[in-house]
Every structure is written in structure tokens, then in C-alpha cells.
N, C-alpha and C. Protein backbone atom coordinates (compact mmCIF):
# COMPACT_ATOMS: atom_id res chain seq x y z
N MET A 1 1.89 3.94 -27.82
CA MET A 1 2.38 4.76 -26.73
C MET A 1 3.44 3.97 -25.97
N SER A 2 4.55 4.62 -25.62
CA SER A 2 5.65 3.93 -24.95
C SER A 2 5.32 3.68 -23.47
N LEU A 3 6.02 2.71 -22.89
CA LEU A 3 5.83 2.43 -21.47
C LEU A 3 6.20 3.62 -20.61
N THR A 4 7.22 4.37 -21.02
CA THR A 4 7.63 5.53 -20.23
C THR A 4 6.53 6.59 -20.21
N VAL A 5 5.91 6.83 -21.35
CA VAL A 5 4.79 7.79 -21.40
C VAL A 5 3.64 7.27 -20.52
N LEU A 6 3.37 5.98 -20.60
CA LEU A 6 2.32 5.40 -19.77
C LEU A 6 2.66 5.54 -18.28
N ALA A 7 3.94 5.40 -17.95
CA ALA A 7 4.35 5.55 -16.55
C ALA A 7 4.08 6.97 -16.06
N TRP A 8 4.40 7.95 -16.89
CA TRP A 8 4.14 9.35 -16.50
C TRP A 8 2.64 9.60 -16.38
N LEU A 9 1.86 9.01 -17.27
CA LEU A 9 0.40 9.14 -17.17
C LEU A 9 -0.12 8.47 -15.89
N ALA A 10 0.50 7.35 -15.52
CA ALA A 10 0.11 6.67 -14.28
C ALA A 10 0.44 7.53 -13.06
N VAL A 11 1.57 8.22 -13.09
CA VAL A 11 1.92 9.14 -12.00
C VAL A 11 0.88 10.26 -11.91
N ALA A 12 0.53 10.83 -13.05
CA ALA A 12 -0.49 11.89 -13.07
C ALA A 12 -1.83 11.35 -12.57
N ALA A 13 -2.18 10.13 -12.99
CA ALA A 13 -3.43 9.51 -12.54
C ALA A 13 -3.41 9.31 -11.04
N TYR A 14 -2.26 8.89 -10.50
CA TYR A 14 -2.19 8.68 -9.06
C TYR A 14 -2.33 10.01 -8.31
N ALA A 15 -1.73 11.06 -8.84
CA ALA A 15 -1.86 12.38 -8.21
C ALA A 15 -3.34 12.80 -8.20
N LEU A 16 -4.03 12.62 -9.31
CA LEU A 16 -5.46 12.95 -9.37
C LEU A 16 -6.26 12.06 -8.42
N HIS A 17 -5.86 10.82 -8.30
CA HIS A 17 -6.51 9.87 -7.40
C HIS A 17 -6.38 10.33 -5.94
N VAL A 18 -5.19 10.77 -5.56
CA VAL A 18 -4.96 11.26 -4.20
C VAL A 18 -5.84 12.48 -3.93
N VAL A 19 -5.93 13.36 -4.90
CA VAL A 19 -6.79 14.55 -4.75
C VAL A 19 -8.24 14.11 -4.55
N GLU A 20 -8.69 13.17 -5.37
CA GLU A 20 -10.06 12.67 -5.23
C GLU A 20 -10.28 12.07 -3.84
N GLU A 21 -9.35 11.21 -3.42
CA GLU A 21 -9.47 10.59 -2.09
C GLU A 21 -9.53 11.65 -0.99
N HIS A 22 -8.67 12.63 -1.09
CA HIS A 22 -8.60 13.65 -0.04
C HIS A 22 -9.87 14.50 -0.01
N ILE A 23 -10.28 15.00 -1.16
CA ILE A 23 -11.44 15.89 -1.20
C ILE A 23 -12.73 15.15 -0.83
N LEU A 24 -12.86 13.91 -1.26
CA LEU A 24 -14.09 13.16 -1.00
C LEU A 24 -14.04 12.33 0.29
N GLY A 25 -12.93 12.37 1.01
CA GLY A 25 -12.87 11.78 2.35
C GLY A 25 -12.55 10.30 2.46
N TRP A 26 -11.62 9.80 1.64
CA TRP A 26 -11.27 8.38 1.73
C TRP A 26 -10.73 8.01 3.12
N TYR A 27 -9.95 8.90 3.70
CA TYR A 27 -9.33 8.62 5.00
C TYR A 27 -10.39 8.22 6.03
N ASP A 28 -11.43 9.02 6.19
CA ASP A 28 -12.49 8.70 7.15
C ASP A 28 -13.31 7.50 6.68
N TRP A 29 -13.56 7.41 5.38
CA TRP A 29 -14.32 6.29 4.83
C TRP A 29 -13.62 4.97 5.14
N ALA A 30 -12.31 4.91 4.92
CA ALA A 30 -11.55 3.68 5.14
C ALA A 30 -11.52 3.29 6.62
N ARG A 31 -11.44 4.28 7.48
CA ARG A 31 -11.44 3.99 8.91
C ARG A 31 -12.77 3.39 9.34
N LYS A 32 -13.86 3.89 8.75
CA LYS A 32 -15.20 3.41 9.14
C LYS A 32 -15.57 2.10 8.45
N THR A 33 -15.30 1.98 7.17
CA THR A 33 -15.78 0.81 6.42
C THR A 33 -14.78 -0.33 6.36
N MET A 34 -13.48 -0.02 6.39
CA MET A 34 -12.46 -1.06 6.26
C MET A 34 -11.71 -1.29 7.57
N ASN A 35 -12.04 -0.51 8.58
CA ASN A 35 -11.40 -0.62 9.89
C ASN A 35 -9.88 -0.51 9.79
N ILE A 36 -9.41 0.40 8.95
CA ILE A 36 -7.97 0.63 8.81
C ILE A 36 -7.57 1.68 9.82
N SER A 37 -6.67 1.32 10.72
CA SER A 37 -6.22 2.26 11.75
C SER A 37 -4.99 3.01 11.25
N LEU A 38 -5.25 3.90 10.34
CA LEU A 38 -4.19 4.67 9.71
C LEU A 38 -4.30 6.10 10.20
N GLY A 39 -3.23 6.60 10.82
CA GLY A 39 -3.22 7.99 11.24
C GLY A 39 -3.06 8.91 10.04
N TRP A 40 -3.40 10.18 10.23
CA TRP A 40 -3.30 11.14 9.13
C TRP A 40 -1.88 11.20 8.59
N ASN A 41 -0.88 11.24 9.47
CA ASN A 41 0.52 11.31 9.02
C ASN A 41 0.90 10.09 8.19
N GLU A 42 0.49 8.90 8.64
CA GLU A 42 0.79 7.68 7.88
C GLU A 42 0.13 7.71 6.51
N TYR A 43 -1.10 8.20 6.49
CA TYR A 43 -1.84 8.29 5.23
C TYR A 43 -1.10 9.19 4.24
N VAL A 44 -0.72 10.38 4.68
CA VAL A 44 -0.04 11.33 3.80
C VAL A 44 1.32 10.79 3.36
N ILE A 45 2.08 10.23 4.29
CA ILE A 45 3.41 9.70 3.96
C ILE A 45 3.29 8.54 2.98
N THR A 46 2.32 7.66 3.19
CA THR A 46 2.13 6.52 2.29
C THR A 46 1.76 7.00 0.89
N GLU A 47 0.85 7.95 0.81
CA GLU A 47 0.46 8.49 -0.50
C GLU A 47 1.66 9.13 -1.20
N ALA A 48 2.45 9.90 -0.46
CA ALA A 48 3.63 10.56 -1.05
C ALA A 48 4.66 9.52 -1.49
N ALA A 49 4.85 8.48 -0.69
CA ALA A 49 5.83 7.44 -1.04
C ALA A 49 5.41 6.71 -2.31
N ILE A 50 4.12 6.40 -2.43
CA ILE A 50 3.64 5.72 -3.64
C ILE A 50 3.81 6.62 -4.86
N LEU A 51 3.51 7.88 -4.70
CA LEU A 51 3.70 8.83 -5.80
C LEU A 51 5.17 8.89 -6.20
N LEU A 52 6.05 8.90 -5.21
CA LEU A 52 7.49 8.92 -5.47
C LEU A 52 7.93 7.65 -6.21
N LEU A 53 7.39 6.50 -5.81
CA LEU A 53 7.72 5.24 -6.51
C LEU A 53 7.32 5.31 -7.98
N GLY A 54 6.17 5.90 -8.25
CA GLY A 54 5.73 6.07 -9.63
C GLY A 54 6.66 6.98 -10.41
N ILE A 55 7.09 8.06 -9.78
CA ILE A 55 8.03 8.99 -10.43
C ILE A 55 9.34 8.29 -10.73
N VAL A 56 9.84 7.51 -9.77
CA VAL A 56 11.09 6.77 -9.99
C VAL A 56 10.93 5.80 -11.16
N ALA A 57 9.81 5.09 -11.22
CA ALA A 57 9.57 4.16 -12.33
C ALA A 57 9.57 4.89 -13.66
N ALA A 58 8.93 6.06 -13.70
CA ALA A 58 8.85 6.83 -14.95
C ALA A 58 10.22 7.38 -15.35
N VAL A 59 10.96 7.90 -14.38
CA VAL A 59 12.29 8.47 -14.67
C VAL A 59 13.24 7.38 -15.17
N LEU A 60 13.22 6.24 -14.49
CA LEU A 60 14.12 5.15 -14.89
C LEU A 60 13.68 4.50 -16.20
N GLY A 61 12.39 4.50 -16.45
CA GLY A 61 11.87 3.92 -17.69
C GLY A 61 12.05 2.42 -17.77
N ASN A 62 12.30 1.78 -16.64
CA ASN A 62 12.51 0.34 -16.59
C ASN A 62 11.16 -0.38 -16.65
N PRO A 63 10.96 -1.27 -17.62
CA PRO A 63 9.68 -1.96 -17.75
C PRO A 63 9.23 -2.69 -16.48
N THR A 64 10.17 -3.29 -15.76
CA THR A 64 9.81 -3.99 -14.53
C THR A 64 9.17 -3.04 -13.53
N TYR A 65 9.76 -1.88 -13.34
CA TYR A 65 9.24 -0.91 -12.38
C TYR A 65 7.92 -0.30 -12.85
N ILE A 66 7.80 -0.11 -14.15
CA ILE A 66 6.57 0.47 -14.69
C ILE A 66 5.42 -0.53 -14.54
N VAL A 67 5.66 -1.79 -14.84
CA VAL A 67 4.63 -2.82 -14.67
C VAL A 67 4.30 -2.98 -13.18
N ALA A 68 5.31 -2.91 -12.33
CA ALA A 68 5.08 -3.00 -10.88
C ALA A 68 4.16 -1.86 -10.42
N PHE A 69 4.42 -0.65 -10.90
CA PHE A 69 3.57 0.48 -10.52
C PHE A 69 2.15 0.31 -11.06
N ALA A 70 2.03 -0.19 -12.28
CA ALA A 70 0.70 -0.45 -12.85
C ALA A 70 -0.04 -1.50 -12.02
N THR A 71 0.69 -2.50 -11.54
CA THR A 71 0.09 -3.53 -10.68
C THR A 71 -0.39 -2.91 -9.38
N LEU A 72 0.42 -2.05 -8.82
CA LEU A 72 0.05 -1.35 -7.59
C LEU A 72 -1.26 -0.58 -7.80
N LEU A 73 -1.39 0.11 -8.93
CA LEU A 73 -2.62 0.86 -9.22
C LEU A 73 -3.82 -0.08 -9.35
N LEU A 74 -3.61 -1.19 -10.03
CA LEU A 74 -4.68 -2.17 -10.23
C LEU A 74 -5.16 -2.74 -8.90
N ILE A 75 -4.23 -3.11 -8.05
CA ILE A 75 -4.59 -3.65 -6.73
C ILE A 75 -5.28 -2.58 -5.90
N ASN A 76 -4.80 -1.36 -6.00
CA ASN A 76 -5.41 -0.25 -5.25
C ASN A 76 -6.89 -0.13 -5.59
N VAL A 77 -7.21 -0.07 -6.85
CA VAL A 77 -8.61 0.14 -7.23
C VAL A 77 -9.47 -1.07 -6.88
N ILE A 78 -8.93 -2.27 -7.04
CA ILE A 78 -9.73 -3.47 -6.77
C ILE A 78 -9.93 -3.69 -5.27
N PHE A 79 -8.83 -3.70 -4.51
CA PHE A 79 -8.90 -4.10 -3.10
C PHE A 79 -9.13 -2.96 -2.12
N PHE A 80 -8.89 -1.73 -2.52
CA PHE A 80 -9.09 -0.61 -1.61
C PHE A 80 -10.29 0.25 -2.00
N HIS A 81 -10.92 -0.07 -3.13
CA HIS A 81 -12.07 0.72 -3.57
C HIS A 81 -13.24 -0.16 -4.00
N LEU A 82 -13.07 -0.95 -5.07
CA LEU A 82 -14.20 -1.71 -5.62
C LEU A 82 -14.74 -2.76 -4.65
N LEU A 83 -13.89 -3.65 -4.17
CA LEU A 83 -14.37 -4.72 -3.29
C LEU A 83 -14.93 -4.17 -1.97
N PRO A 84 -14.25 -3.23 -1.31
CA PRO A 84 -14.85 -2.67 -0.09
C PRO A 84 -16.18 -1.96 -0.36
N MET A 85 -16.27 -1.30 -1.51
CA MET A 85 -17.51 -0.62 -1.87
C MET A 85 -18.64 -1.64 -2.03
N LEU A 86 -18.36 -2.73 -2.73
CA LEU A 86 -19.36 -3.78 -2.91
C LEU A 86 -19.71 -4.45 -1.59
N ALA A 87 -18.70 -4.66 -0.75
CA ALA A 87 -18.92 -5.30 0.55
C ALA A 87 -19.75 -4.42 1.48
N ASN A 88 -19.80 -3.13 1.20
CA ASN A 88 -20.56 -2.19 2.03
C ASN A 88 -21.83 -1.73 1.32
N GLY A 89 -22.40 -2.62 0.55
CA GLY A 89 -23.68 -2.34 -0.09
C GLY A 89 -23.65 -1.26 -1.14
N GLY A 90 -22.49 -1.07 -1.77
CA GLY A 90 -22.38 -0.06 -2.81
C GLY A 90 -22.09 1.33 -2.29
N ARG A 91 -21.79 1.44 -0.99
CA ARG A 91 -21.46 2.76 -0.42
C ARG A 91 -20.24 3.32 -1.14
N PHE A 92 -20.37 4.50 -1.69
CA PHE A 92 -19.34 5.13 -2.51
C PHE A 92 -17.99 5.16 -1.80
N SER A 93 -16.95 4.78 -2.53
CA SER A 93 -15.58 4.81 -2.03
C SER A 93 -14.84 5.97 -2.69
N PRO A 94 -14.43 6.98 -1.92
CA PRO A 94 -13.64 8.06 -2.50
C PRO A 94 -12.37 7.50 -3.14
N GLY A 95 -12.19 7.75 -4.41
CA GLY A 95 -11.06 7.22 -5.16
C GLY A 95 -11.48 6.24 -6.23
N VAL A 96 -12.72 5.79 -6.15
CA VAL A 96 -13.18 4.78 -7.11
C VAL A 96 -13.36 5.38 -8.51
N ILE A 97 -13.65 6.66 -8.61
CA ILE A 97 -13.84 7.29 -9.93
C ILE A 97 -12.53 7.26 -10.71
N SER A 98 -11.47 7.79 -10.10
CA SER A 98 -10.17 7.77 -10.78
C SER A 98 -9.66 6.35 -10.94
N GLY A 99 -9.99 5.49 -9.99
CA GLY A 99 -9.58 4.10 -10.09
C GLY A 99 -10.17 3.42 -11.32
N LEU A 100 -11.46 3.62 -11.51
CA LEU A 100 -12.14 3.00 -12.65
C LEU A 100 -11.76 3.62 -13.98
N PHE A 101 -11.72 4.94 -14.01
CA PHE A 101 -11.54 5.62 -15.30
C PHE A 101 -10.10 5.96 -15.65
N LEU A 102 -9.20 5.85 -14.68
CA LEU A 102 -7.78 6.11 -14.96
C LEU A 102 -6.92 4.89 -14.70
N PHE A 103 -7.01 4.31 -13.49
CA PHE A 103 -6.14 3.19 -13.13
C PHE A 103 -6.38 1.96 -14.00
N LEU A 104 -7.63 1.55 -14.13
CA LEU A 104 -7.91 0.33 -14.90
C LEU A 104 -7.46 0.44 -16.36
N PRO A 105 -7.81 1.51 -17.07
CA PRO A 105 -7.34 1.60 -18.46
C PRO A 105 -5.82 1.72 -18.57
N LEU A 106 -5.20 2.46 -17.66
CA LEU A 106 -3.74 2.59 -17.72
C LEU A 106 -3.05 1.27 -17.43
N ALA A 107 -3.50 0.56 -16.40
CA ALA A 107 -2.88 -0.73 -16.07
C ALA A 107 -3.06 -1.70 -17.24
N TRP A 108 -4.26 -1.74 -17.80
CA TRP A 108 -4.53 -2.62 -18.94
C TRP A 108 -3.60 -2.28 -20.10
N THR A 109 -3.44 -1.00 -20.39
CA THR A 109 -2.59 -0.58 -21.50
C THR A 109 -1.13 -0.90 -21.23
N VAL A 110 -0.68 -0.73 -19.99
CA VAL A 110 0.71 -1.09 -19.64
C VAL A 110 0.92 -2.58 -19.87
N TYR A 111 -0.01 -3.42 -19.40
CA TYR A 111 0.14 -4.87 -19.57
C TYR A 111 0.15 -5.27 -21.04
N LYS A 112 -0.68 -4.61 -21.84
CA LYS A 112 -0.73 -4.93 -23.28
C LYS A 112 0.49 -4.41 -24.03
N THR A 113 1.08 -3.32 -23.55
CA THR A 113 2.21 -2.68 -24.23
C THR A 113 3.55 -3.32 -23.88
N GLN A 114 3.68 -3.82 -22.68
CA GLN A 114 4.97 -4.37 -22.24
C GLN A 114 5.34 -5.58 -23.08
N THR A 115 6.63 -5.77 -23.26
CA THR A 115 7.14 -6.90 -24.06
C THR A 115 8.13 -7.73 -23.26
N MET A 116 7.92 -7.80 -21.97
CA MET A 116 8.85 -8.51 -21.10
C MET A 116 8.68 -10.02 -21.24
N ALA A 117 9.74 -10.74 -20.91
CA ALA A 117 9.66 -12.20 -20.84
C ALA A 117 8.69 -12.57 -19.72
N GLN A 118 8.09 -13.74 -19.83
CA GLN A 118 7.09 -14.19 -18.85
C GLN A 118 7.60 -14.11 -17.41
N ASN A 119 8.81 -14.61 -17.15
CA ASN A 119 9.33 -14.61 -15.78
C ASN A 119 9.59 -13.19 -15.29
N ASP A 120 9.99 -12.27 -16.18
CA ASP A 120 10.19 -10.88 -15.79
C ASP A 120 8.84 -10.22 -15.47
N LEU A 121 7.83 -10.57 -16.23
CA LEU A 121 6.50 -10.03 -15.99
C LEU A 121 5.98 -10.49 -14.63
N VAL A 122 6.17 -11.77 -14.33
CA VAL A 122 5.75 -12.30 -13.03
C VAL A 122 6.47 -11.56 -11.91
N TRP A 123 7.78 -11.36 -12.05
CA TRP A 123 8.55 -10.65 -11.04
C TRP A 123 8.01 -9.22 -10.86
N ALA A 124 7.68 -8.55 -11.95
CA ALA A 124 7.17 -7.18 -11.88
C ALA A 124 5.83 -7.14 -11.14
N VAL A 125 4.97 -8.10 -11.42
CA VAL A 125 3.66 -8.16 -10.76
C VAL A 125 3.85 -8.44 -9.27
N VAL A 126 4.73 -9.37 -8.93
CA VAL A 126 5.01 -9.67 -7.52
C VAL A 126 5.57 -8.43 -6.81
N LEU A 127 6.44 -7.71 -7.48
CA LEU A 127 7.00 -6.48 -6.91
C LEU A 127 5.88 -5.46 -6.65
N GLY A 128 4.98 -5.29 -7.59
CA GLY A 128 3.86 -4.37 -7.40
C GLY A 128 2.97 -4.77 -6.24
N ILE A 129 2.71 -6.07 -6.12
CA ILE A 129 1.91 -6.57 -5.00
C ILE A 129 2.63 -6.28 -3.69
N GLY A 130 3.93 -6.56 -3.66
CA GLY A 130 4.71 -6.30 -2.45
C GLY A 130 4.72 -4.83 -2.06
N LEU A 131 4.82 -3.96 -3.05
CA LEU A 131 4.86 -2.53 -2.76
C LEU A 131 3.57 -2.03 -2.12
N ILE A 132 2.45 -2.53 -2.59
CA ILE A 132 1.19 -2.04 -2.01
C ILE A 132 0.86 -2.74 -0.69
N LEU A 133 1.38 -3.95 -0.50
CA LEU A 133 1.14 -4.66 0.76
C LEU A 133 2.07 -4.19 1.88
N TRP A 134 3.20 -3.60 1.54
CA TRP A 134 4.18 -3.18 2.54
C TRP A 134 3.57 -2.28 3.62
N PRO A 135 2.85 -1.20 3.27
CA PRO A 135 2.27 -0.38 4.34
C PRO A 135 1.26 -1.15 5.20
N MET A 136 0.49 -2.06 4.58
CA MET A 136 -0.48 -2.85 5.35
C MET A 136 0.24 -3.79 6.31
N PHE A 137 1.34 -4.38 5.86
CA PHE A 137 2.16 -5.24 6.72
C PHE A 137 2.68 -4.44 7.91
N LEU A 138 3.18 -3.24 7.65
CA LEU A 138 3.71 -2.41 8.73
C LEU A 138 2.63 -2.02 9.73
N LEU A 139 1.42 -1.75 9.24
CA LEU A 139 0.32 -1.44 10.15
C LEU A 139 0.00 -2.63 11.05
N LYS A 140 -0.01 -3.82 10.47
CA LYS A 140 -0.25 -5.03 11.27
C LYS A 140 0.87 -5.23 12.28
N LEU A 141 2.10 -5.03 11.83
CA LEU A 141 3.26 -5.19 12.70
C LEU A 141 3.21 -4.21 13.85
N ARG A 142 2.82 -2.98 13.55
CA ARG A 142 2.73 -1.94 14.57
C ARG A 142 1.73 -2.33 15.66
N GLY A 143 0.71 -3.08 15.30
CA GLY A 143 -0.30 -3.49 16.26
C GLY A 143 0.12 -4.64 17.16
N THR A 144 1.27 -5.25 16.90
CA THR A 144 1.71 -6.36 17.74
C THR A 144 2.26 -5.84 19.06
N ALA A 145 2.31 -6.71 20.03
CA ALA A 145 2.77 -6.33 21.36
C ALA A 145 4.18 -5.76 21.33
N TYR A 146 5.03 -6.34 20.54
CA TYR A 146 6.43 -5.89 20.51
C TYR A 146 6.55 -4.44 20.07
N PHE A 147 5.83 -4.07 19.01
CA PHE A 147 5.96 -2.73 18.45
C PHE A 147 5.04 -1.70 19.11
N SER A 148 4.00 -2.15 19.78
CA SER A 148 3.08 -1.19 20.40
C SER A 148 3.49 -0.84 21.82
N GLY A 149 4.51 -1.51 22.35
CA GLY A 149 4.98 -1.21 23.70
C GLY A 149 4.33 -2.08 24.75
N ARG A 150 3.35 -2.91 24.35
CA ARG A 150 2.69 -3.77 25.33
C ARG A 150 3.61 -4.88 25.81
N ALA A 151 4.64 -5.20 25.03
CA ALA A 151 5.53 -6.29 25.41
C ALA A 151 6.56 -5.84 26.44
N ALA A 152 6.82 -4.55 26.52
CA ALA A 152 7.85 -4.04 27.43
C ALA A 152 7.58 -4.41 28.88
N PRO A 153 6.36 -4.20 29.42
CA PRO A 153 6.11 -4.60 30.81
C PRO A 153 6.28 -6.11 31.01
N ALA A 154 5.87 -6.90 30.04
CA ALA A 154 6.01 -8.35 30.15
C ALA A 154 7.48 -8.75 30.18
N ARG A 155 8.29 -8.11 29.33
CA ARG A 155 9.73 -8.41 29.33
C ARG A 155 10.36 -7.99 30.65
N ALA A 156 9.94 -6.84 31.17
CA ALA A 156 10.50 -6.35 32.43
C ALA A 156 10.14 -7.31 33.57
N ALA A 157 8.89 -7.78 33.58
CA ALA A 157 8.46 -8.72 34.63
C ALA A 157 9.23 -10.02 34.52
N LYS A 158 9.43 -10.50 33.30
CA LYS A 158 10.18 -11.74 33.09
C LYS A 158 11.63 -11.57 33.54
N ALA A 159 12.22 -10.43 33.22
CA ALA A 159 13.61 -10.16 33.63
C ALA A 159 13.72 -10.09 35.14
N ALA A 160 12.75 -9.46 35.79
CA ALA A 160 12.77 -9.36 37.25
C ALA A 160 12.63 -10.74 37.88
N LYS A 161 11.76 -11.56 37.32
CA LYS A 161 11.55 -12.92 37.82
C LYS A 161 12.83 -13.74 37.66
N SER A 162 13.46 -13.61 36.50
CA SER A 162 14.70 -14.31 36.22
C SER A 162 15.80 -13.86 37.18
N SER A 163 15.86 -12.58 37.43
CA SER A 163 16.87 -12.02 38.34
C SER A 163 16.65 -12.53 39.75
N ALA A 164 15.39 -12.62 40.17
CA ALA A 164 15.07 -13.11 41.51
C ALA A 164 15.47 -14.58 41.65
N LYS A 165 15.26 -15.38 40.61
CA LYS A 165 15.67 -16.78 40.64
C LYS A 165 17.18 -16.90 40.78
N GLY A 166 17.90 -16.04 40.06
CA GLY A 166 19.36 -16.05 40.10
C GLY A 166 19.88 -15.72 41.48
N LYS A 167 19.24 -14.80 42.18
CA LYS A 167 19.66 -14.41 43.53
C LYS A 167 19.41 -15.54 44.51
N ARG A 168 18.29 -16.27 44.35
CA ARG A 168 17.99 -17.38 45.25
C ARG A 168 19.00 -18.51 45.09
N LYS A 169 19.46 -18.75 43.86
CA LYS A 169 20.41 -19.84 43.61
C LYS A 169 21.76 -19.53 44.24
N LYS A 170 22.15 -18.26 44.31
CA LYS A 170 23.45 -17.87 44.85
C LYS A 170 23.51 -18.04 46.36
N ARG A 171 22.39 -18.02 47.04
CA ARG A 171 22.37 -18.10 48.51
C ARG A 171 22.73 -19.43 48.99
């Protein structure tokens, strides 16, 4: 089976995965068990963006992008389903069914089918890791004082203090 066919199968698997997550309640499960502060809009946009990345990889047929998408699927099932499920005493994780029965075999088959040079394979895996970590990084960034608006009053107070010092020096 060609990498391009596998890429399209991975896109279909991801679509089925999103349906499983949605119907079985991954959004609420993740908020309770993984303490992920993801709003509904962010959840939907992230899922759509990942699906779009898979479609782009399949359309382009580029092995680097296909392996990157397979890596993203592999990390998704391991770090967002299996490990949290085990850490929570085996409490079912919505998405783990498609992760186990679709993502793992597809990712394995992509890795076995690809014929990239070692350094290209490493780059593709790093790209896949980066793609799935990007939304998590943005969530962490959003929680910082600068992006949450908590820094604005501090900056205003500092500016006022600085301005007051400047006025005293002029006198």
C-alpha cells in the first residue's frame, strides 16, 4: 500500500476518531481527568486544523508530511488517551478505541512503508511532535500574565510610577 493511500486512510481514521471523541465525551473527560482548560471553540478548531493538516499531507503525498501526520496520530493515542487512561485507574478515554484500532496500526504501517533517509525520518517525526504540541503550547502561553490580561494592570502601574519619577526629577 502506498504512503498516499495510507495518508488518506489516516485522515479517515482521524475523522472517525473525532466522531468517537465527540459522541463519547472526550471534551468533558479531558477537562476532568487531564485538567485541560480547552474551550469548546478551541477544541473544535484544533480538531478541524489537525484534520486539515492530514488532508494537506495526503494531497501533497510528501513522505515527510505523511510520516509527520502518522507521528501526530501516534502521540495522540499514547499521550492523550492511553497514558491518561492508565493514570486514572483505567477510566475509559473517549477516543481510545479508534486510537488503538486505527491510529496504532496505521502509524506502524506508515513507518514500515516509508523509505526516507534516516535524517529525513527524524525531521518528519520532530515535525509531527511539534504539530501536536503546538496547541498545548498555545494553551500554556494563553495562561501567562501577558496573554491573559493580568499583566496589563502591572504595566500600567509601572508606567505611572515611572512617569511620577520623571515629573519629580524635572522640578
